[in-house]
Amino acid sequence: HSRIARVIATAGYDGWCSVEMRSQEDWTGN
């Protein structure tokens, strides 16, 4: 994820970034 974060920060992106993942049994830990 550091690669994506670095690219979007360097390019000046300042919009929303949301977590997208499926529900799992250990949802609080995830």
PDB file of all heavy atoms in Angstrom:
ATOM      1  N   HIS A   1       0.812  -1.214   0.000  1.00  0.00           N
ATOM      2  CA  HIS A   1       0.000   0.000   0.000  1.00  0.00           C
ATOM      3  C   HIS A   1       0.846   1.265   0.000  1.00  0.00           C
ATOM      4  O   HIS A   1       0.378   2.319  -0.431  1.00  0.00           O
ATOM      5  CB  HIS A   1      -0.967  -0.003   1.190  1.00  0.00           C
ATOM      6  CG  HIS A   1      -2.087  -0.961   1.007  1.00  0.00           C
ATOM      7  ND1 HIS A   1      -3.257  -0.630   0.372  1.00  0.00           N
ATOM      8  CD2 HIS A   1      -2.206  -2.276   1.338  1.00  0.00           C
ATOM      9  CE1 HIS A   1      -4.057  -1.678   0.332  1.00  0.00           C
ATOM     10  NE2 HIS A   1      -3.443  -2.695   0.912  1.00  0.00           N
ATOM     11  N   SER A   2       2.076   1.179   0.449  1.00  0.00           N
ATOM     12  CA  SER A   2       2.926   2.374   0.450  1.00  0.00           C
ATOM     13  C   SER A   2       3.112   2.898  -0.969  1.00  0.00           C
ATOM     14  O   SER A   2       3.179   4.106  -1.182  1.00  0.00           O
ATOM     15  CB  SER A   2       4.286   2.087   1.091  1.00  0.00           C
ATOM     16  OG  SER A   2       5.056   1.201   0.296  1.00  0.00           O
ATOM     17  N   ARG A   3       3.163   2.009  -1.938  1.00  0.00           N
ATOM     18  CA  ARG A   3       3.352   2.414  -3.338  1.00  0.00           C
ATOM     19  C   ARG A   3       2.169   3.232  -3.831  1.00  0.00           C
ATOM     20  O   ARG A   3       2.343   4.302  -4.429  1.00  0.00           O
ATOM     21  CB  ARG A   3       3.535   1.152  -4.196  1.00  0.00           C
ATOM     22  CG  ARG A   3       3.758   1.434  -5.660  1.00  0.00           C
ATOM     23  CD  ARG A   3       4.126   0.163  -6.412  1.00  0.00           C
ATOM     24  NE  ARG A   3       3.067  -0.816  -6.403  1.00  0.00           N
ATOM     25  CZ  ARG A   3       2.220  -1.003  -7.423  1.00  0.00           C
ATOM     26  NH1 ARG A   3       2.302  -0.266  -8.507  1.00  0.00           N
ATOM     27  NH2 ARG A   3       1.272  -1.922  -7.343  1.00  0.00           N
ATOM     28  N   ILE A   4       0.959   2.770  -3.577  1.00  0.00           N
ATOM     29  CA  ILE A   4      -0.227   3.514  -4.013  1.00  0.00           C
ATOM     30  C   ILE A   4      -0.320   4.839  -3.270  1.00  0.00           C
ATOM     31  O   ILE A   4      -0.553   5.892  -3.867  1.00  0.00           O
ATOM     32  CB  ILE A   4      -1.513   2.688  -3.803  1.00  0.00           C
ATOM     33  CG1 ILE A   4      -1.495   1.442  -4.682  1.00  0.00           C
ATOM     34  CG2 ILE A   4      -2.759   3.537  -4.105  1.00  0.00           C
ATOM     35  CD1 ILE A   4      -2.644   0.498  -4.423  1.00  0.00           C
ATOM     36  N   ALA A   5      -0.121   4.798  -1.952  1.00  0.00           N
ATOM     37  CA  ALA A   5      -0.213   6.023  -1.148  1.00  0.00           C
ATOM     38  C   ALA A   5       0.804   7.056  -1.604  1.00  0.00           C
ATOM     39  O   ALA A   5       0.496   8.251  -1.689  1.00  0.00           O
ATOM     40  CB  ALA A   5      -0.013   5.684   0.327  1.00  0.00           C
ATOM     41  N   ARG A   6       2.001   6.616  -1.909  1.00  0.00           N
ATOM     42  CA  ARG A   6       3.052   7.539  -2.363  1.00  0.00           C
ATOM     43  C   ARG A   6       2.664   8.180  -3.689  1.00  0.00           C
ATOM     44  O   ARG A   6       2.802   9.386  -3.870  1.00  0.00           O
ATOM     45  CB  ARG A   6       4.375   6.781  -2.471  1.00  0.00           C
ATOM     46  CG  ARG A   6       5.552   7.652  -2.810  1.00  0.00           C
ATOM     47  CD  ARG A   6       6.893   6.924  -2.733  1.00  0.00           C
ATOM     48  NE  ARG A   6       6.896   5.593  -3.326  1.00  0.00           N
ATOM     49  CZ  ARG A   6       6.969   4.452  -2.635  1.00  0.00           C
ATOM     50  NH1 ARG A   6       7.044   4.463  -1.323  1.00  0.00           N
ATOM     51  NH2 ARG A   6       6.991   3.293  -3.256  1.00  0.00           N
ATOM     52  N   VAL A   7       2.151   7.379  -4.605  1.00  0.00           N
ATOM     53  CA  VAL A   7       1.776   7.905  -5.919  1.00  0.00           C
ATOM     54  C   VAL A   7       0.645   8.922  -5.791  1.00  0.00           C
ATOM     55  O   VAL A   7       0.716  10.009  -6.369  1.00  0.00           O
ATOM     56  CB  VAL A   7       1.377   6.764  -6.889  1.00  0.00           C
ATOM     57  CG1 VAL A   7       0.738   7.315  -8.153  1.00  0.00           C
ATOM     58  CG2 VAL A   7       2.587   5.923  -7.234  1.00  0.00           C
ATOM     59  N   ILE A   8      -0.398   8.594  -5.034  1.00  0.00           N
ATOM     60  CA  ILE A   8      -1.516   9.536  -4.959  1.00  0.00           C
ATOM     61  C   ILE A   8      -1.132  10.799  -4.195  1.00  0.00           C
ATOM     62  O   ILE A   8      -1.581  11.885  -4.548  1.00  0.00           O
ATOM     63  CB  ILE A   8      -2.810   8.885  -4.419  1.00  0.00           C
ATOM     64  CG1 ILE A   8      -2.682   8.426  -2.983  1.00  0.00           C
ATOM     65  CG2 ILE A   8      -3.247   7.741  -5.310  1.00  0.00           C
ATOM     66  CD1 ILE A   8      -3.975   7.890  -2.380  1.00  0.00           C
ATOM     67  N   ALA A   9      -0.278  10.676  -3.175  1.00  0.00           N
ATOM     68  CA  ALA A   9       0.163  11.868  -2.437  1.00  0.00           C
ATOM     69  C   ALA A   9       1.043  12.750  -3.325  1.00  0.00           C
ATOM     70  O   ALA A   9       0.868  13.969  -3.369  1.00  0.00           O
ATOM     71  CB  ALA A   9       0.914  11.465  -1.175  1.00  0.00           C
ATOM     72  N   THR A  10       1.968  12.134  -4.046  1.00  0.00           N
ATOM     73  CA  THR A  10       2.860  12.884  -4.929  1.00  0.00           C
ATOM     74  C   THR A  10       2.081  13.592  -6.029  1.00  0.00           C
ATOM     75  O   THR A  10       2.414  14.702  -6.420  1.00  0.00           O
ATOM     76  CB  THR A  10       3.921  11.943  -5.538  1.00  0.00           C
ATOM     77  OG1 THR A  10       4.667  11.355  -4.473  1.00  0.00           O
ATOM     78  CG2 THR A  10       4.867  12.684  -6.459  1.00  0.00           C
ATOM     79  N   ALA A  11       1.036  12.939  -6.516  1.00  0.00           N
ATOM     80  CA  ALA A  11       0.214  13.527  -7.587  1.00  0.00           C
ATOM     81  C   ALA A  11      -0.741  14.599  -7.069  1.00  0.00           C
ATOM     82  O   ALA A  11      -1.417  15.252  -7.845  1.00  0.00           O
ATOM     83  CB  ALA A  11      -0.561  12.435  -8.305  1.00  0.00           C
ATOM     84  N   GLY A  12      -0.804  14.761  -5.746  1.00  0.00           N
ATOM     85  CA  GLY A  12      -1.634  15.805  -5.177  1.00  0.00           C
ATOM     86  C   GLY A  12      -3.085  15.414  -4.942  1.00  0.00           C
ATOM     87  O   GLY A  12      -3.923  16.285  -4.713  1.00  0.00           O
ATOM     88  N   TYR A  13      -3.400  14.128  -4.972  1.00  0.00           N
ATOM     89  CA  TYR A  13      -4.776  13.712  -4.710  1.00  0.00           C
ATOM     90  C   TYR A  13      -5.126  14.035  -3.266  1.00  0.00           C
ATOM     91  O   TYR A  13      -4.397  13.683  -2.339  1.00  0.00           O
ATOM     92  CB  TYR A  13      -4.934  12.207  -4.961  1.00  0.00           C
ATOM     93  CG  TYR A  13      -6.326  11.713  -4.637  1.00  0.00           C
ATOM     94  CD1 TYR A  13      -7.382  11.951  -5.511  1.00  0.00           C
ATOM     95  CD2 TYR A  13      -6.595  11.034  -3.458  1.00  0.00           C
ATOM     96  CE1 TYR A  13      -8.662  11.518  -5.218  1.00  0.00           C
ATOM     97  CE2 TYR A  13      -7.879  10.593  -3.155  1.00  0.00           C
ATOM     98  CZ  TYR A  13      -8.902  10.833  -4.034  1.00  0.00           C
ATOM     99  OH  TYR A  13     -10.168  10.412  -3.738  1.00  0.00           O
ATOM    100  N   ASP A  14      -6.245  14.717  -3.072  1.00  0.00           N
ATOM    101  CA  ASP A  14      -6.660  15.072  -1.708  1.00  0.00           C
ATOM    102  C   ASP A  14      -8.124  14.715  -1.446  1.00  0.00           C
ATOM    103  O   ASP A  14      -8.771  15.261  -0.573  1.00  0.00           O
ATOM    104  CB  ASP A  14      -6.410  16.553  -1.426  1.00  0.00           C
ATOM    105  CG  ASP A  14      -7.236  17.477  -2.309  1.00  0.00           C
ATOM    106  OD1 ASP A  14      -7.935  16.988  -3.222  1.00  0.00           O
ATOM    107  OD2 ASP A  14      -7.183  18.688  -2.083  1.00  0.00           O
ATOM    108  N   GLY A  15      -8.624  13.766  -2.208  1.00  0.00           N
ATOM    109  CA  GLY A  15     -10.019  13.346  -2.056  1.00  0.00           C
ATOM    110  C   GLY A  15     -10.167  12.204  -1.064  1.00  0.00           C
ATOM    111  O   GLY A  15      -9.250  11.860  -0.324  1.00  0.00           O
ATOM    112  N   TRP A  16     -11.343  11.614  -1.091  1.00  0.00           N
ATOM    113  CA  TRP A  16     -11.680  10.533  -0.178  1.00  0.00           C
ATOM    114  C   TRP A  16     -10.932   9.257  -0.526  1.00  0.00           C
ATOM    115  O   TRP A  16     -10.723   8.943  -1.690  1.00  0.00           O
ATOM    116  CB  TRP A  16     -13.176  10.252  -0.223  1.00  0.00           C
ATOM    117  CG  TRP A  16     -13.993  11.324   0.407  1.00  0.00           C
ATOM    118  CD1 TRP A  16     -14.596  12.364  -0.230  1.00  0.00           C
ATOM    119  CD2 TRP A  16     -14.283  11.476   1.791  1.00  0.00           C
ATOM    120  NE1 TRP A  16     -15.257  13.150   0.685  1.00  0.00           N
ATOM    121  CE2 TRP A  16     -15.079  12.627   1.930  1.00  0.00           C
ATOM    122  CE3 TRP A  16     -13.949  10.739   2.928  1.00  0.00           C
ATOM    123  CZ2 TRP A  16     -15.548  13.061   3.158  1.00  0.00           C
ATOM    124  CZ3 TRP A  16     -14.418  11.179   4.150  1.00  0.00           C
ATOM    125  CH2 TRP A  16     -15.206  12.325   4.258  1.00  0.00           C
ATOM    126  N   CYS A  17     -10.608   8.513   0.516  1.00  0.00           N
ATOM    127  CA  CYS A  17     -10.017   7.186   0.394  1.00  0.00           C
ATOM    128  C   CYS A  17     -10.743   6.309   1.405  1.00  0.00           C
ATOM    129  O   CYS A  17     -10.721   6.586   2.604  1.00  0.00           O
ATOM    130  CB  CYS A  17      -8.521   7.241   0.692  1.00  0.00           C
ATOM    131  SG  CYS A  17      -7.690   5.658   0.521  1.00  0.00           S
ATOM    132  N   SER A  18     -11.417   5.275   0.915  1.00  0.00           N
ATOM    133  CA  SER A  18     -12.194   4.429   1.815  1.00  0.00           C
ATOM    134  C   SER A  18     -11.672   3.004   1.806  1.00  0.00           C
ATOM    135  O   SER A  18     -11.056   2.550   0.842  1.00  0.00           O
ATOM    136  CB  SER A  18     -13.672   4.448   1.422  1.00  0.00           C
ATOM    137  OG  SER A  18     -13.850   3.895   0.134  1.00  0.00           O
ATOM    138  N   VAL A  19     -11.930   2.304   2.893  1.00  0.00           N
ATOM    139  CA  VAL A  19     -11.578   0.898   3.007  1.00  0.00           C
ATOM    140  C   VAL A  19     -12.665   0.085   2.320  1.00  0.00           C
ATOM    141  O   VAL A  19     -13.856   0.302   2.544  1.00  0.00           O
ATOM    142  CB  VAL A  19     -11.468   0.482   4.498  1.00  0.00           C
ATOM    143  CG1 VAL A  19     -11.283  -1.022   4.621  1.00  0.00           C
ATOM    144  CG2 VAL A  19     -10.352   1.248   5.184  1.00  0.00           C
ATOM    145  N   GLU A  20     -12.240  -0.866   1.486  1.00  0.00           N
ATOM    146  CA  GLU A  20     -13.185  -1.770   0.842  1.00  0.00           C
ATOM    147  C   GLU A  20     -12.709  -3.194   1.111  1.00  0.00           C
ATOM    148  O   GLU A  20     -11.622  -3.581   0.678  1.00  0.00           O
ATOM    149  CB  GLU A  20     -13.244  -1.515  -0.667  1.00  0.00           C
ATOM    150  CG  GLU A  20     -14.253  -2.414  -1.362  1.00  0.00           C
ATOM    151  CD  GLU A  20     -14.239  -2.262  -2.872  1.00  0.00           C
ATOM    152  OE1 GLU A  20     -13.171  -2.036  -3.450  1.00  0.00           O
ATOM    153  OE2 GLU A  20     -15.321  -2.414  -3.473  1.00  0.00           O
ATOM    154  N   MET A  21     -13.500  -3.944   1.874  1.00  0.00           N
ATOM    155  CA  MET A  21     -13.147  -5.334   2.159  1.00  0.00           C
ATOM    156  C   MET A  21     -14.404  -6.104   2.519  1.00  0.00           C
ATOM    157  O   MET A  21     -15.397  -5.522   2.950  1.00  0.00           O
ATOM    158  CB  MET A  21     -12.110  -5.423   3.279  1.00  0.00           C
ATOM    159  CG  MET A  21     -12.530  -4.865   4.610  1.00  0.00           C
ATOM    160  SD  MET A  21     -11.140  -4.898   5.770  1.00  0.00           S
ATOM    161  CE  MET A  21     -11.982  -4.329   7.257  1.00  0.00           C
ATOM    162  N   ARG A  22     -14.326  -7.400   2.330  1.00  0.00           N
ATOM    163  CA  ARG A  22     -15.449  -8.265   2.680  1.00  0.00           C
ATOM    164  C   ARG A  22     -15.475  -8.490   4.185  1.00  0.00           C
ATOM    165  O   ARG A  22     -14.450  -8.470   4.857  1.00  0.00           O
ATOM    166  CB  ARG A  22     -15.334  -9.619   1.990  1.00  0.00           C
ATOM    167  CG  ARG A  22     -15.550  -9.561   0.516  1.00  0.00           C
ATOM    168  CD  ARG A  22     -15.716 -10.972  -0.045  1.00  0.00           C
ATOM    169  NE  ARG A  22     -15.675 -10.958  -1.484  1.00  0.00           N
ATOM    170  CZ  ARG A  22     -16.685 -10.630  -2.266  1.00  0.00           C
ATOM    171  NH1 ARG A  22     -17.829 -10.279  -1.746  1.00  0.00           N
ATOM    172  NH2 ARG A  22     -16.564 -10.642  -3.571  1.00  0.00           N
ATOM    173  N   SER A  23     -16.650  -8.759   4.685  1.00  0.00           N
ATOM    174  CA  SER A  23     -16.814  -9.081   6.097  1.00  0.00           C
ATOM    175  C   SER A  23     -16.187 -10.447   6.380  1.00  0.00           C
ATOM    176  O   SER A  23     -16.306 -11.380   5.591  1.00  0.00           O
ATOM    177  CB  SER A  23     -18.299  -9.101   6.455  1.00  0.00           C
ATOM    178  OG  SER A  23     -18.463  -9.452   7.797  1.00  0.00           O
ATOM    179  N   GLN A  24     -15.530 -10.537   7.498  1.00  0.00           N
ATOM    180  CA  GLN A  24     -14.905 -11.774   7.948  1.00  0.00           C
ATOM    181  C   GLN A  24     -15.318 -12.027   9.385  1.00  0.00           C
ATOM    182  O   GLN A  24     -15.823 -11.127  10.063  1.00  0.00           O
ATOM    183  CB  GLN A  24     -13.375 -11.669   7.868  1.00  0.00           C
ATOM    184  CG  GLN A  24     -12.830 -11.379   6.489  1.00  0.00           C
ATOM    185  CD  GLN A  24     -12.818 -12.604   5.601  1.00  0.00           C
ATOM    186  OE1 GLN A  24     -12.681 -13.718   6.071  1.00  0.00           O
ATOM    187  NE2 GLN A  24     -12.989 -12.388   4.304  1.00  0.00           N
ATOM    188  N   GLU A  25     -15.051 -13.218   9.867  1.00  0.00           N
ATOM    189  CA  GLU A  25     -15.437 -13.560  11.235  1.00  0.00           C
ATOM    190  C   GLU A  25     -14.817 -12.601  12.253  1.00  0.00           C
ATOM    191  O   GLU A  25     -15.494 -12.114  13.142  1.00  0.00           O
ATOM    192  CB  GLU A  25     -15.035 -15.001  11.545  1.00  0.00           C
ATOM    193  CG  GLU A  25     -15.601 -15.497  12.870  1.00  0.00           C
ATOM    194  CD  GLU A  25     -15.362 -16.975  13.055  1.00  0.00           C
ATOM    195  OE1 GLU A  25     -15.576 -17.747  12.103  1.00  0.00           O
ATOM    196  OE2 GLU A  25     -14.964 -17.339  14.165  1.00  0.00           O
ATOM    197  N   ASP A  26     -13.525 -12.320  12.119  1.00  0.00           N
ATOM    198  CA  ASP A  26     -12.847 -11.420  13.056  1.00  0.00           C
ATOM    199  C   ASP A  26     -12.965  -9.971  12.564  1.00  0.00           C
ATOM    200  O   ASP A  26     -11.981  -9.303  12.285  1.00  0.00           O
ATOM    201  CB  ASP A  26     -11.373 -11.814  13.202  1.00  0.00           C
ATOM    202  CG  ASP A  26     -10.611 -10.932  14.181  1.00  0.00           C
ATOM    203  OD1 ASP A  26     -11.259 -10.284  15.033  1.00  0.00           O
ATOM    204  OD2 ASP A  26      -9.375 -10.872  14.077  1.00  0.00           O
ATOM    205  N   TRP A  27     -14.195  -9.479  12.446  1.00  0.00           N
ATOM    206  CA  TRP A  27     -14.388  -8.161  11.865  1.00  0.00           C
ATOM    207  C   TRP A  27     -13.771  -7.052  12.704  1.00  0.00           C
ATOM    208  O   TRP A  27     -13.262  -6.074  12.157  1.00  0.00           O
ATOM    209  CB  TRP A  27     -15.864  -7.889  11.582  1.00  0.00           C
ATOM    210  CG  TRP A  27     -16.735  -7.760  12.809  1.00  0.00           C
ATOM    211  CD1 TRP A  27     -17.393  -8.754  13.450  1.00  0.00           C
ATOM    212  CD2 TRP A  27     -17.009  -6.557  13.523  1.00  0.00           C
ATOM    213  NE1 TRP A  27     -18.076  -8.259  14.528  1.00  0.00           N
ATOM    214  CE2 TRP A  27     -17.856  -6.903  14.602  1.00  0.00           C
ATOM    215  CE3 TRP A  27     -16.636  -5.231  13.367  1.00  0.00           C
ATOM    216  CZ2 TRP A  27     -18.322  -5.968  15.512  1.00  0.00           C
ATOM    217  CZ3 TRP A  27     -17.104  -4.288  14.270  1.00  0.00           C
ATOM    218  CH2 TRP A  27     -17.936  -4.660  15.335  1.00  0.00           C
ATOM    219  N   THR A  28     -13.751  -7.170  14.023  1.00  0.00           N
ATOM    220  CA  THR A  28     -13.152  -6.107  14.838  1.00  0.00           C
ATOM    221  C   THR A  28     -11.641  -6.071  14.648  1.00  0.00           C
ATOM    222  O   THR A  28     -11.057  -5.002  14.506  1.00  0.00           O
ATOM    223  CB  THR A  28     -13.508  -6.253  16.330  1.00  0.00           C
ATOM    224  OG1 THR A  28     -13.085  -7.537  16.791  1.00  0.00           O
ATOM    225  CG2 THR A  28     -15.006  -6.081  16.551  1.00  0.00           C
ATOM    226  N   GLY A  29     -11.008  -7.231  14.630  1.00  0.00           N
ATOM    227  CA  GLY A  29      -9.560  -7.281  14.399  1.00  0.00           C
ATOM    228  C   GLY A  29      -9.203  -6.767  13.019  1.00  0.00           C
ATOM    229  O   GLY A  29      -8.221  -6.040  12.843  1.00  0.00           O
ATOM    230  N   ASN A  30      -9.999  -7.151  12.023  1.00  0.00           N
ATOM    231  CA  ASN A  30      -9.753  -6.684  10.656  1.00  0.00           C
ATOM    232  C   ASN A  30      -9.944  -5.178  10.535  1.00  0.00           C
ATOM    233  O   ASN A  30      -9.180  -4.504   9.842  1.00  0.00           O
ATOM    234  CB  ASN A  30     -10.666  -7.416   9.674  1.00  0.00           C
ATOM    235  CG  ASN A  30     -10.289  -8.868   9.526  1.00  0.00           C
ATOM    236  OD1 ASN A  30      -9.122  -9.234   9.683  1.00  0.00           O
ATOM    237  ND2 ASN A  30     -11.258  -9.709   9.240  1.00  0.00           N
TER     238      ASN A  30
END
